[in-house]
Amino acid sequence: MKIAVASNNGKTVNLHFGDASHCLIFEVDGNQVNFVELREKSRKPIKDHSDRWIQSLELINDCHVVLCSRIGPEPKESLKSKGIEAVESQKEVTEAIKDYLSNK
């Protein structure tokens, strides 16, 4: 399972889903959680408000969950329709991932 994390410092979940310029991608395999890669959002000009989160959705389309500090109802619903769960958190990255996995 892949988990995307919206963080600008790699330590805490601290970015709004639509504002995230990049996401940290983690792979969960049993009890192991491994950092896989940093994915950066395209720098295409944003013409419409929804372009912000549509670009973010494209960035994490192979993930099962995204941890972010905040997310609006429309992007949350779009993620859900793609089978991606959105979880709001403002904890340290490792703690947020552990909390998510323990509540699964």
PDB file of N, CA and C in Angstrom:
ATOM      1  N   MET A   1       0.842  -1.174   0.000  1.00  0.00           N
ATOM      2  CA  MET A   1       0.000   0.000   0.000  1.00  0.00           C
ATOM      3  C   MET A   1       0.887   1.236   0.000  1.00  0.00           C
ATOM      4  N   LYS A   2       0.534   2.220  -0.805  1.00  0.00           N
ATOM      5  CA  LYS A   2       1.277   3.476  -0.849  1.00  0.00           C
ATOM      6  C   LYS A   2       0.509   4.561  -0.105  1.00  0.00           C
ATOM      7  N   ILE A   3       1.264   5.343   0.652  1.00  0.00           N
ATOM      8  CA  ILE A   3       0.709   6.469   1.402  1.00  0.00           C
ATOM      9  C   ILE A   3       1.416   7.737   0.953  1.00  0.00           C
ATOM     10  N   ALA A   4       0.645   8.740   0.576  1.00  0.00           N
ATOM     11  CA  ALA A   4       1.191  10.050   0.212  1.00  0.00           C
ATOM     12  C   ALA A   4       1.071  10.970   1.423  1.00  0.00           C
ATOM     13  N   VAL A   5       2.076  11.787   1.643  1.00  0.00           N
ATOM     14  CA  VAL A   5       2.083  12.712   2.768  1.00  0.00           C
ATOM     15  C   VAL A   5       2.402  14.112   2.259  1.00  0.00           C
ATOM     16  N   ALA A   6       1.541  15.065   2.599  1.00  0.00           N
ATOM     17  CA  ALA A   6       1.754  16.461   2.223  1.00  0.00           C
ATOM     18  C   ALA A   6       2.547  17.144   3.335  1.00  0.00           C
ATOM     19  N   SER A   7       3.842  17.340   3.076  1.00  0.00           N
ATOM     20  CA  SER A   7       4.730  17.928   4.076  1.00  0.00           C
ATOM     21  C   SER A   7       5.779  18.768   3.374  1.00  0.00           C
ATOM     22  N   ASN A   8       6.035  19.950   3.917  1.00  0.00           N
ATOM     23  CA  ASN A   8       7.076  20.782   3.302  1.00  0.00           C
ATOM     24  C   ASN A   8       8.425  20.635   3.990  1.00  0.00           C
ATOM     25  N   ASN A   9       8.456  19.859   5.091  1.00  0.00           N
ATOM     26  CA  ASN A   9       9.730  19.702   5.798  1.00  0.00           C
ATOM     27  C   ASN A   9      10.123  18.234   6.016  1.00  0.00           C
ATOM     28  N   GLY A  10       9.265  17.308   5.615  1.00  0.00           N
ATOM     29  CA  GLY A  10       9.553  15.890   5.768  1.00  0.00           C
ATOM     30  C   GLY A  10       9.396  15.376   7.182  1.00  0.00           C
ATOM     31  N   LYS A  11       9.028  16.243   8.095  1.00  0.00           N
ATOM     32  CA  LYS A  11       8.898  15.854   9.498  1.00  0.00           C
ATOM     33  C   LYS A  11       7.460  15.849   9.982  1.00  0.00           C
ATOM     34  N   THR A  12       6.674  16.828   9.530  1.00  0.00           N
ATOM     35  CA  THR A  12       5.285  16.931   9.978  1.00  0.00           C
ATOM     36  C   THR A  12       4.346  16.996   8.778  1.00  0.00           C
ATOM     37  N   VAL A  13       3.123  16.530   9.003  1.00  0.00           N
ATOM     38  CA  VAL A  13       2.061  16.664   8.002  1.00  0.00           C
ATOM     39  C   VAL A  13       1.580  18.104   8.155  1.00  0.00           C
ATOM     40  N   ASN A  14       1.941  18.967   7.219  1.00  0.00           N
ATOM     41  CA  ASN A  14       1.677  20.389   7.443  1.00  0.00           C
ATOM     42  C   ASN A  14       1.215  21.157   6.208  1.00  0.00           C
ATOM     43  N   LEU A  15       0.812  20.452   5.163  1.00  0.00           N
ATOM     44  CA  LEU A  15       0.348  21.157   3.958  1.00  0.00           C
ATOM     45  C   LEU A  15      -1.105  20.815   3.637  1.00  0.00           C
ATOM     46  N   HIS A  16      -1.825  21.816   3.189  1.00  0.00           N
ATOM     47  CA  HIS A  16      -3.177  21.638   2.654  1.00  0.00           C
ATOM     48  C   HIS A  16      -3.049  20.832   1.365  1.00  0.00           C
ATOM     49  N   PHE A  17      -3.948  19.901   1.124  1.00  0.00           N
ATOM     50  CA  PHE A  17      -3.856  19.034  -0.046  1.00  0.00           C
ATOM     51  C   PHE A  17      -3.662  19.817  -1.339  1.00  0.00           C
ATOM     52  N   GLY A  18      -4.478  20.811  -1.585  1.00  0.00           N
ATOM     53  CA  GLY A  18      -4.395  21.567  -2.837  1.00  0.00           C
ATOM     54  C   GLY A  18      -3.175  22.459  -2.934  1.00  0.00           C
ATOM     55  N   ASP A  19      -2.624  22.859  -1.808  1.00  0.00           N
ATOM     56  CA  ASP A  19      -1.462  23.749  -1.806  1.00  0.00           C
ATOM     57  C   ASP A  19      -0.134  23.012  -1.884  1.00  0.00           C
ATOM     58  N   ALA A  20      -0.156  21.706  -1.686  1.00  0.00           N
ATOM     59  CA  ALA A  20       1.090  20.933  -1.656  1.00  0.00           C
ATOM     60  C   ALA A  20       1.771  20.969  -3.023  1.00  0.00           C
ATOM     61  N   SER A  21       3.021  21.409  -3.045  1.00  0.00           N
ATOM     62  CA  SER A  21       3.779  21.428  -4.297  1.00  0.00           C
ATOM     63  C   SER A  21       4.420  20.071  -4.560  1.00  0.00           C
ATOM     64  N   HIS A  22       4.425  19.237  -3.527  1.00  0.00           N
ATOM     65  CA  HIS A  22       4.991  17.898  -3.650  1.00  0.00           C
ATOM     66  C   HIS A  22       4.409  17.004  -2.558  1.00  0.00           C
ATOM     67  N   CYS A  23       4.613  15.718  -2.688  1.00  0.00           N
ATOM     68  CA  CYS A  23       4.196  14.748  -1.675  1.00  0.00           C
ATOM     69  C   CYS A  23       5.311  13.742  -1.453  1.00  0.00           C
ATOM     70  N   LEU A  24       5.439  13.329  -0.217  1.00  0.00           N
ATOM     71  CA  LEU A  24       6.344  12.234   0.130  1.00  0.00           C
ATOM     72  C   LEU A  24       5.555  10.943  -0.050  1.00  0.00           C
ATOM     73  N   ILE A  25       6.152   9.955  -0.669  1.00  0.00           N
ATOM     74  CA  ILE A  25       5.457   8.687  -0.916  1.00  0.00           C
ATOM     75  C   ILE A  25       6.133   7.599  -0.085  1.00  0.00           C
ATOM     76  N   PHE A  26       5.304   6.884   0.671  1.00  0.00           N
ATOM     77  CA  PHE A  26       5.768   5.785   1.512  1.00  0.00           C
ATOM     78  C   PHE A  26       5.092   4.506   1.059  1.00  0.00           C
ATOM     79  N   GLU A  27       5.798   3.401   1.182  1.00  0.00           N
ATOM     80  CA  GLU A  27       5.271   2.070   0.849  1.00  0.00           C
ATOM     81  C   GLU A  27       5.162   1.295   2.151  1.00  0.00           C
ATOM     82  N   VAL A  28       3.992   0.703   2.384  1.00  0.00           N
ATOM     83  CA  VAL A  28       3.774  -0.123   3.563  1.00  0.00           C
ATOM     84  C   VAL A  28       3.777  -1.575   3.116  1.00  0.00           C
ATOM     85  N   ASP A  29       4.644  -2.368   3.759  1.00  0.00           N
ATOM     86  CA  ASP A  29       4.745  -3.794   3.461  1.00  0.00           C
ATOM     87  C   ASP A  29       4.785  -4.534   4.794  1.00  0.00           C
ATOM     88  N   GLY A  30       3.637  -5.061   5.196  1.00  0.00           N
ATOM     89  CA  GLY A  30       3.555  -5.693   6.507  1.00  0.00           C
ATOM     90  C   GLY A  30       3.731  -4.647   7.583  1.00  0.00           C
ATOM     91  N   ASN A  31       4.737  -4.840   8.440  1.00  0.00           N
ATOM     92  CA  ASN A  31       5.022  -3.874   9.504  1.00  0.00           C
ATOM     93  C   ASN A  31       6.062  -2.841   9.099  1.00  0.00           C
ATOM     94  N   GLN A  32       6.576  -2.959   7.894  1.00  0.00           N
ATOM     95  CA  GLN A  32       7.616  -2.044   7.401  1.00  0.00           C
ATOM     96  C   GLN A  32       6.981  -0.851   6.676  1.00  0.00           C
ATOM     97  N   VAL A  33       7.460   0.335   6.998  1.00  0.00           N
ATOM     98  CA  VAL A  33       7.065   1.555   6.292  1.00  0.00           C
ATOM     99  C   VAL A  33       8.338   2.171   5.753  1.00  0.00           C
ATOM    100  N   ASN A  34       8.420   2.265   4.430  1.00  0.00           N
ATOM    101  CA  ASN A  34       9.630   2.767   3.790  1.00  0.00           C
ATOM    102  C   ASN A  34       9.331   3.979   2.916  1.00  0.00           C
ATOM    103  N   PHE A  35      10.195   4.982   3.023  1.00  0.00           N
ATOM    104  CA  PHE A  35      10.106   6.126   2.122  1.00  0.00           C
ATOM    105  C   PHE A  35      10.525   5.656   0.732  1.00  0.00           C
ATOM    106  N   VAL A  36       9.718   6.005  -0.286  1.00  0.00           N
ATOM    107  CA  VAL A  36       9.990   5.573  -1.651  1.00  0.00           C
ATOM    108  C   VAL A  36      10.499   6.721  -2.513  1.00  0.00           C
ATOM    109  N   GLU A  37       9.777   7.845  -2.472  1.00  0.00           N
ATOM    110  CA  GLU A  37      10.161   8.944  -3.358  1.00  0.00           C
ATOM    111  C   GLU A  37       9.478  10.250  -2.984  1.00  0.00           C
ATOM    112  N   LEU A  38       9.990  11.314  -3.541  1.00  0.00           N
ATOM    113  CA  LEU A  38       9.383  12.634  -3.456  1.00  0.00           C
ATOM    114  C   LEU A  38       8.804  12.938  -4.829  1.00  0.00           C
ATOM    115  N   ARG A  39       7.517  13.233  -4.876  1.00  0.00           N
ATOM    116  CA  ARG A  39       6.871  13.569  -6.156  1.00  0.00           C
ATOM    117  C   ARG A  39       6.507  15.042  -6.154  1.00  0.00           C
ATOM    118  N   GLU A  40       6.914  15.725  -7.213  1.00  0.00           N
ATOM    119  CA  GLU A  40       6.630  17.151  -7.323  1.00  0.00           C
ATOM    120  C   GLU A  40       5.500  17.403  -8.308  1.00  0.00           C
ATOM    121  N   LYS A  41       4.657  18.345  -7.946  1.00  0.00           N
ATOM    122  CA  LYS A  41       3.532  18.732  -8.790  1.00  0.00           C
ATOM    123  C   LYS A  41       4.033  19.502 -10.000  1.00  0.00           C
ATOM    124  N   SER A  42       3.341  19.343 -11.093  1.00  0.00           N
ATOM    125  CA  SER A  42       3.667  20.075 -12.308  1.00  0.00           C
ATOM    126  C   SER A  42       3.628  21.573 -12.039  1.00  0.00           C
ATOM    127  N   ARG A  43       4.445  22.287 -12.756  1.00  0.00           N
ATOM    128  CA  ARG A  43       4.469  23.746 -12.606  1.00  0.00           C
ATOM    129  C   ARG A  43       3.608  24.438 -13.656  1.00  0.00           C
ATOM    130  N   LYS A  44       2.669  23.674 -14.233  1.00  0.00           N
ATOM    131  CA  LYS A  44       1.749  24.273 -15.204  1.00  0.00           C
ATOM    132  C   LYS A  44       0.989  25.414 -14.541  1.00  0.00           C
ATOM    133  N   PRO A  45       0.723  26.476 -15.279  1.00  0.00           N
ATOM    134  CA  PRO A  45      -0.052  27.585 -14.710  1.00  0.00           C
ATOM    135  C   PRO A  45      -1.450  27.112 -14.308  1.00  0.00           C
ATOM    136  N   ILE A  46      -1.899  27.633 -13.200  1.00  0.00           N
ATOM    137  CA  ILE A  46      -3.234  27.299 -12.707  1.00  0.00           C
ATOM    138  C   ILE A  46      -4.218  28.311 -13.270  1.00  0.00           C
ATOM    139  N   LYS A  47      -5.217  27.797 -13.987  1.00  0.00           N
ATOM    140  CA  LYS A  47      -6.206  28.671 -14.608  1.00  0.00           C
ATOM    141  C   LYS A  47      -7.501  28.712 -13.812  1.00  0.00           C
ATOM    142  N   ASP A  48      -7.764  27.642 -13.097  1.00  0.00           N
ATOM    143  CA  ASP A  48      -9.013  27.505 -12.361  1.00  0.00           C
ATOM    144  C   ASP A  48      -8.680  27.033 -10.952  1.00  0.00           C
ATOM    145  N   HIS A  49      -9.489  27.407  -9.977  1.00  0.00           N
ATOM    146  CA  HIS A  49      -9.257  27.012  -8.587  1.00  0.00           C
ATOM    147  C   HIS A  49      -9.108  25.495  -8.446  1.00  0.00           C
ATOM    148  N   SER A  50      -9.900  24.739  -9.179  1.00  0.00           N
ATOM    149  CA  SER A  50      -9.853  23.277  -9.049  1.00  0.00           C
ATOM    150  C   SER A  50      -8.570  22.691  -9.641  1.00  0.00           C
ATOM    151  N   ASP A  51      -7.859  23.438 -10.470  1.00  0.00           N
ATOM    152  CA  ASP A  51      -6.592  22.947 -11.027  1.00  0.00           C
ATOM    153  C   ASP A  51      -5.590  22.609  -9.931  1.00  0.00           C
ATOM    154  N   ARG A  52      -5.637  23.351  -8.817  1.00  0.00           N
ATOM    155  CA  ARG A  52      -4.697  23.101  -7.712  1.00  0.00           C
ATOM    156  C   ARG A  52      -4.812  21.669  -7.212  1.00  0.00           C
ATOM    157  N   TRP A  53      -6.011  21.240  -6.909  1.00  0.00           N
ATOM    158  CA  TRP A  53      -6.162  19.895  -6.348  1.00  0.00           C
ATOM    159  C   TRP A  53      -6.232  18.817  -7.416  1.00  0.00           C
ATOM    160  N   ILE A  54      -6.611  19.154  -8.627  1.00  0.00           N
ATOM    161  CA  ILE A  54      -6.599  18.157  -9.712  1.00  0.00           C
ATOM    162  C   ILE A  54      -5.153  17.743  -9.999  1.00  0.00           C
ATOM    163  N   GLN A  55      -4.241  18.700 -10.004  1.00  0.00           N
ATOM    164  CA  GLN A  55      -2.820  18.371 -10.182  1.00  0.00           C
ATOM    165  C   GLN A  55      -2.321  17.500  -9.033  1.00  0.00           C
ATOM    166  N   SER A  56      -2.770  17.798  -7.814  1.00  0.00           N
ATOM    167  CA  SER A  56      -2.367  16.984  -6.656  1.00  0.00           C
ATOM    168  C   SER A  56      -2.920  15.571  -6.766  1.00  0.00           C
ATOM    169  N   LEU A  57      -4.144  15.445  -7.246  1.00  0.00           N
ATOM    170  CA  LEU A  57      -4.757  14.130  -7.427  1.00  0.00           C
ATOM    171  C   LEU A  57      -3.973  13.309  -8.443  1.00  0.00           C
ATOM    172  N   GLU A  58      -3.571  13.934  -9.535  1.00  0.00           N
ATOM    173  CA  GLU A  58      -2.777  13.225 -10.551  1.00  0.00           C
ATOM    174  C   GLU A  58      -1.436  12.762  -9.982  1.00  0.00           C
ATOM    175  N   LEU A  59      -0.906  13.525  -9.055  1.00  0.00           N
ATOM    176  CA  LEU A  59       0.390  13.222  -8.445  1.00  0.00           C
ATOM    177  C   LEU A  59       0.352  11.930  -7.619  1.00  0.00           C
ATOM    178  N   ILE A  60      -0.794  11.645  -7.017  1.00  0.00           N
ATOM    179  CA  ILE A  60      -0.880  10.509  -6.085  1.00  0.00           C
ATOM    180  C   ILE A  60      -1.881   9.455  -6.526  1.00  0.00           C
ATOM    181  N   ASN A  61      -2.179   9.373  -7.801  1.00  0.00           N
ATOM    182  CA  ASN A  61      -3.246   8.490  -8.274  1.00  0.00           C
ATOM    183  C   ASN A  61      -3.007   7.005  -8.034  1.00  0.00           C
ATOM    184  N   ASP A  62      -1.792   6.600  -7.682  1.00  0.00           N
ATOM    185  CA  ASP A  62      -1.525   5.186  -7.388  1.00  0.00           C
ATOM    186  C   ASP A  62      -1.432   4.915  -5.885  1.00  0.00           C
ATOM    187  N   CYS A  63      -1.759   5.914  -5.072  1.00  0.00           N
ATOM    188  CA  CYS A  63      -1.706   5.764  -3.614  1.00  0.00           C
ATOM    189  C   CYS A  63      -3.081   5.363  -3.075  1.00  0.00           C
ATOM    190  N   HIS A  64      -3.088   4.803  -1.884  1.00  0.00           N
ATOM    191  CA  HIS A  64      -4.335   4.382  -1.248  1.00  0.00           C
ATOM    192  C   HIS A  64      -4.853   5.410  -0.258  1.00  0.00           C
ATOM    193  N   VAL A  65      -3.957   6.238   0.235  1.00  0.00           N
ATOM    194  CA  VAL A  65      -4.327   7.254   1.224  1.00  0.00           C
ATOM    195  C   VAL A  65      -3.393   8.451   1.085  1.00  0.00           C
ATOM    196  N   VAL A  66      -3.922   9.620   1.432  1.00  0.00           N
ATOM    197  CA  VAL A  66      -3.094  10.822   1.511  1.00  0.00           C
ATOM    198  C   VAL A  66      -3.323  11.438   2.882  1.00  0.00           C
ATOM    199  N   LEU A  67      -2.219  11.778   3.533  1.00  0.00           N
ATOM    200  CA  LEU A  67      -2.254  12.480   4.805  1.00  0.00           C
ATOM    201  C   LEU A  67      -1.925  13.933   4.526  1.00  0.00           C
ATOM    202  N   CYS A  68      -2.800  14.831   4.951  1.00  0.00           N
ATOM    203  CA  CYS A  68      -2.602  16.258   4.712  1.00  0.00           C
ATOM    204  C   CYS A  68      -3.161  17.030   5.905  1.00  0.00           C
ATOM    205  N   SER A  69      -2.739  18.270   6.050  1.00  0.00           N
ATOM    206  CA  SER A  69      -3.208  19.054   7.195  1.00  0.00           C
ATOM    207  C   SER A  69      -4.673  19.455   7.038  1.00  0.00           C
ATOM    208  N   ARG A  70      -5.083  19.733   5.802  1.00  0.00           N
ATOM    209  CA  ARG A  70      -6.475  20.114   5.520  1.00  0.00           C
ATOM    210  C   ARG A  70      -6.804  19.688   4.095  1.00  0.00           C
ATOM    211  N   ILE A  71      -8.107  19.526   3.853  1.00  0.00           N
ATOM    212  CA  ILE A  71      -8.584  19.215   2.503  1.00  0.00           C
ATOM    213  C   ILE A  71     -10.033  19.653   2.412  1.00  0.00           C
ATOM    214  N   GLY A  72     -10.396  20.234   1.284  1.00  0.00           N
ATOM    215  CA  GLY A  72     -11.765  20.671   1.080  1.00  0.00           C
ATOM    216  C   GLY A  72     -12.675  19.519   0.691  1.00  0.00           C
ATOM    217  N   PRO A  73     -13.990  19.735   0.774  1.00  0.00           N
ATOM    218  CA  PRO A  73     -14.949  18.661   0.485  1.00  0.00           C
ATOM    219  C   PRO A  73     -14.916  18.181  -0.965  1.00  0.00           C
ATOM    220  N   GLU A  74     -14.736  19.083  -1.906  1.00  0.00           N
ATOM    221  CA  GLU A  74     -14.737  18.683  -3.321  1.00  0.00           C
ATOM    222  C   GLU A  74     -13.528  17.810  -3.673  1.00  0.00           C
ATOM    223  N   PRO A  75     -12.300  18.205  -3.309  1.00  0.00           N
ATOM    224  CA  PRO A  75     -11.167  17.322  -3.590  1.00  0.00           C
ATOM    225  C   PRO A  75     -11.254  16.006  -2.814  1.00  0.00           C
ATOM    226  N   LYS A  76     -11.770  16.066  -1.599  1.00  0.00           N
ATOM    227  CA  LYS A  76     -11.915  14.842  -0.801  1.00  0.00           C
ATOM    228  C   LYS A  76     -12.843  13.853  -1.499  1.00  0.00           C
ATOM    229  N   GLU A  77     -13.920  14.365  -2.064  1.00  0.00           N
ATOM    230  CA  GLU A  77     -14.871  13.513  -2.787  1.00  0.00           C
ATOM    231  C   GLU A  77     -14.250  12.967  -4.073  1.00  0.00           C
ATOM    232  N   SER A  78     -13.466  13.783  -4.761  1.00  0.00           N
ATOM    233  CA  SER A  78     -12.782  13.317  -5.975  1.00  0.00           C
ATOM    234  C   SER A  78     -11.790  12.211  -5.652  1.00  0.00           C
ATOM    235  N   LEU A  79     -11.052  12.369  -4.563  1.00  0.00           N
ATOM    236  CA  LEU A  79     -10.129  11.318  -4.134  1.00  0.00           C
ATOM    237  C   LEU A  79     -10.893  10.033  -3.819  1.00  0.00           C
ATOM    238  N   LYS A  80     -11.973  10.180  -3.086  1.00  0.00           N
ATOM    239  CA  LYS A  80     -12.783   9.017  -2.702  1.00  0.00           C
ATOM    240  C   LYS A  80     -13.281   8.272  -3.937  1.00  0.00           C
ATOM    241  N   SER A  81     -13.696   9.010  -4.964  1.00  0.00           N
ATOM    242  CA  SER A  81     -14.197   8.370  -6.188  1.00  0.00           C
ATOM    243  C   SER A  81     -13.100   7.589  -6.916  1.00  0.00           C
ATOM    244  N   LYS A  82     -11.834   7.932  -6.632  1.00  0.00           N
ATOM    245  CA  LYS A  82     -10.690   7.224  -7.222  1.00  0.00           C
ATOM    246  C   LYS A  82     -10.162   6.135  -6.293  1.00  0.00           C
ATOM    247  N   GLY A  83     -10.836   5.946  -5.141  1.00  0.00           N
ATOM    248  CA  GLY A  83     -10.410   4.929  -4.191  1.00  0.00           C
ATOM    249  C   GLY A  83      -9.279   5.365  -3.286  1.00  0.00           C
ATOM    250  N   ILE A  84      -9.084   6.682  -3.152  1.00  0.00           N
ATOM    251  CA  ILE A  84      -8.023   7.220  -2.300  1.00  0.00           C
ATOM    252  C   ILE A  84      -8.660   7.878  -1.081  1.00  0.00           C
ATOM    253  N   GLU A  85      -8.236   7.447   0.088  1.00  0.00           N
ATOM    254  CA  GLU A  85      -8.752   7.999   1.334  1.00  0.00           C
ATOM    255  C   GLU A  85      -7.935   9.231   1.720  1.00  0.00           C
ATOM    256  N   ALA A  86      -8.615  10.285   2.120  1.00  0.00           N
ATOM    257  CA  ALA A  86      -7.945  11.502   2.587  1.00  0.00           C
ATOM    258  C   ALA A  86      -8.091  11.584   4.099  1.00  0.00           C
ATOM    259  N   VAL A  87      -6.959  11.779   4.781  1.00  0.00           N
ATOM    260  CA  VAL A  87      -6.955  11.850   6.240  1.00  0.00           C
ATOM    261  C   VAL A  87      -6.264  13.144   6.658  1.00  0.00           C
ATOM    262  N   GLU A  88      -6.968  13.933   7.441  1.00  0.00           N
ATOM    263  CA  GLU A  88      -6.376  15.169   7.952  1.00  0.00           C
ATOM    264  C   GLU A  88      -5.583  14.866   9.211  1.00  0.00           C
ATOM    265  N   SER A  89      -4.389  15.429   9.283  1.00  0.00           N
ATOM    266  CA  SER A  89      -3.509  15.240  10.432  1.00  0.00           C
ATOM    267  C   SER A  89      -2.551  16.412  10.486  1.00  0.00           C
ATOM    268  N   GLN A  90      -2.046  16.677  11.658  1.00  0.00           N
ATOM    269  CA  GLN A  90      -1.010  17.697  11.813  1.00  0.00           C
ATOM    270  C   GLN A  90       0.080  17.165  12.729  1.00  0.00           C
ATOM    271  N   LYS A  91       0.256  15.861  12.683  1.00  0.00           N
ATOM    272  CA  LYS A  91       1.240  15.184  13.522  1.00  0.00           C
ATOM    273  C   LYS A  91       2.546  15.015  12.764  1.00  0.00           C
ATOM    274  N   GLU A  92       3.541  14.461  13.472  1.00  0.00           N
ATOM    275  CA  GLU A  92       4.772  14.093  12.802  1.00  0.00           C
ATOM    276  C   GLU A  92       4.449  12.996  11.795  1.00  0.00           C
ATOM    277  N   VAL A  93       5.173  12.959  10.696  1.00  0.00           N
ATOM    278  CA  VAL A  93       4.884  12.032   9.596  1.00  0.00           C
ATOM    279  C   VAL A  93       4.819  10.586  10.081  1.00  0.00           C
ATOM    280  N   THR A  94       5.836  10.127  10.793  1.00  0.00           N
ATOM    281  CA  THR A  94       5.858   8.725  11.223  1.00  0.00           C
ATOM    282  C   THR A  94       4.700   8.423  12.169  1.00  0.00           C
ATOM    283  N   GLU A  95       4.384   9.352  13.057  1.00  0.00           N
ATOM    284  CA  GLU A  95       3.267   9.162  13.984  1.00  0.00           C
ATOM    285  C   GLU A  95       1.935   9.135  13.233  1.00  0.00           C
ATOM    286  N   ALA A  96       1.763  10.013  12.265  1.00  0.00           N
ATOM    287  CA  ALA A  96       0.528  10.056  11.483  1.00  0.00           C
ATOM    288  C   ALA A  96       0.322   8.760  10.698  1.00  0.00           C
ATOM    289  N   ILE A  97       1.398   8.236  10.119  1.00  0.00           N
ATOM    290  CA  ILE A  97       1.303   6.970   9.379  1.00  0.00           C
ATOM    291  C   ILE A  97       0.950   5.831  10.330  1.00  0.00           C
ATOM    292  N   LYS A  98       1.626   5.767  11.477  1.00  0.00           N
ATOM    293  CA  LYS A  98       1.327   4.722  12.464  1.00  0.00           C
ATOM    294  C   LYS A  98      -0.113   4.811  12.939  1.00  0.00           C
ATOM    295  N   ASP A  99      -0.589   6.023  13.219  1.00  0.00           N
ATOM    296  CA  ASP A  99      -1.983   6.206  13.656  1.00  0.00           C
ATOM    297  C   ASP A  99      -2.957   5.719  12.592  1.00  0.00           C
ATOM    298  N   TYR A 100      -2.684   6.080  11.342  1.00  0.00           N
ATOM    299  CA  TYR A 100      -3.560   5.629  10.252  1.00  0.00           C
ATOM    300  C   TYR A 100      -3.594   4.105  10.177  1.00  0.00           C
ATOM    301  N   LEU A 101      -2.442   3.489  10.204  1.00  0.00           N
ATOM    302  CA  LEU A 101      -2.375   2.039  10.084  1.00  0.00           C
ATOM    303  C   LEU A 101      -3.026   1.337  11.268  1.00  0.00           C
ATOM    304  N   SER A 102      -2.900   1.883  12.455  1.00  0.00           N
ATOM    305  CA  SER A 102      -3.501   1.245  13.630  1.00  0.00           C
ATOM    306  C   SER A 102      -5.019   1.401  13.644  1.00  0.00           C
ATOM    307  N   ASN A 103      -5.539   2.402  12.962  1.00  0.00           N
ATOM    308  CA  ASN A 103      -6.993   2.617  12.899  1.00  0.00           C
ATOM    309  C   ASN A 103      -7.639   1.935  11.705  1.00  0.00           C
ATOM    310  N   LYS A 104      -6.829   1.317  10.864  1.00  0.00           N
ATOM    311  CA  LYS A 104      -7.327   0.649   9.666  1.00  0.00           C
ATOM    312  C   LYS A 104      -7.997  -0.662   9.993  1.00  0.00           C
TER     313      LYS A 104
END
